[in-house]
Every structure is written in C-alpha cells, then in structure tokens.
Amino acid sequence: MQASEFQDTAERLSQGTTEGDWRSAISRAYYAVFHHFLDFFLSQWS
C-alpha cells in the first residue's frame, strides 16, 4: 500500500462521527507518515 492511500483513508475517517473513526484515522495517518519516511530514507541509501 502506498503512503498516499493511507492518507486518503485517514482523511475520510477523520470526517466520521465516532471515536472509532477518529482513532482509525490517527492510525492510518501514522502509517502514511511511516511509509513516506521509509520511502524517503530508502531512496537516500540506494
């Protein structure tokens, strides 16, 4: 999964009305950032 897909999902979930939606949004946003920086660091060492 691409970082942008996690970000898109996080944005959709953040518009939800329940705490579960918001918690899931935070989790997806975390993985978006993680994968973004993973890609960045791997590109620096290649």
Protein backbone atom coordinates (compact mmCIF):
# COMPACT_ATOMS: atom_id res chain seq x y z
CA MET A 1 0.00 0.00 0.00
CA GLN A 2 1.24 3.47 -0.82
CA ALA A 3 1.56 6.23 1.77
CA SER A 4 -0.98 8.29 -0.16
CA GLU A 5 -3.58 5.52 0.17
CA PHE A 6 -3.18 5.55 3.95
CA GLN A 7 -3.51 9.34 3.91
CA ASP A 8 -6.67 9.24 1.80
CA THR A 9 -8.23 6.72 4.18
CA ALA A 10 -7.21 8.80 7.20
CA GLU A 11 -8.84 11.88 5.72
CA ARG A 12 -12.09 10.01 5.06
CA LEU A 13 -12.16 8.51 8.54
CA SER A 14 -11.42 11.85 10.19
CA GLN A 15 -14.77 13.08 8.87
CA GLY A 16 -16.54 10.29 10.74
CA THR A 17 -18.77 10.85 13.72
CA THR A 18 -17.50 8.23 16.15
CA GLU A 19 -14.44 7.87 18.32
CA GLY A 20 -13.62 4.67 16.45
CA ASP A 21 -13.48 6.61 13.18
CA TRP A 22 -11.15 9.18 14.69
CA ARG A 23 -8.87 6.58 16.27
CA SER A 24 -8.67 4.70 13.00
CA ALA A 25 -7.90 7.98 11.21
CA ILE A 26 -4.97 8.58 13.54
CA SER A 27 -3.69 5.06 12.96
CA ARG A 28 -3.88 5.42 9.18
CA ALA A 29 -2.20 8.84 9.35
CA TYR A 30 0.63 7.30 11.39
CA TYR A 31 1.18 4.66 8.72
CA ALA A 32 1.06 7.29 5.98
CA VAL A 33 3.90 9.19 7.68
CA PHE A 34 5.80 5.97 8.40
CA HIS A 35 5.69 4.83 4.77
CA HIS A 36 6.51 8.30 3.48
CA PHE A 37 9.70 8.47 5.52
CA LEU A 38 10.56 4.84 4.87
CA ASP A 39 10.44 5.55 1.13
CA PHE A 40 12.46 8.72 1.66
CA PHE A 41 15.21 7.03 3.68
CA LEU A 42 15.41 4.06 1.33
CA SER A 43 15.80 6.39 -1.63
CA GLN A 44 18.72 8.13 0.12
CA TRP A 45 20.63 4.87 0.58
CA SER A 46 20.04 3.44 -2.88
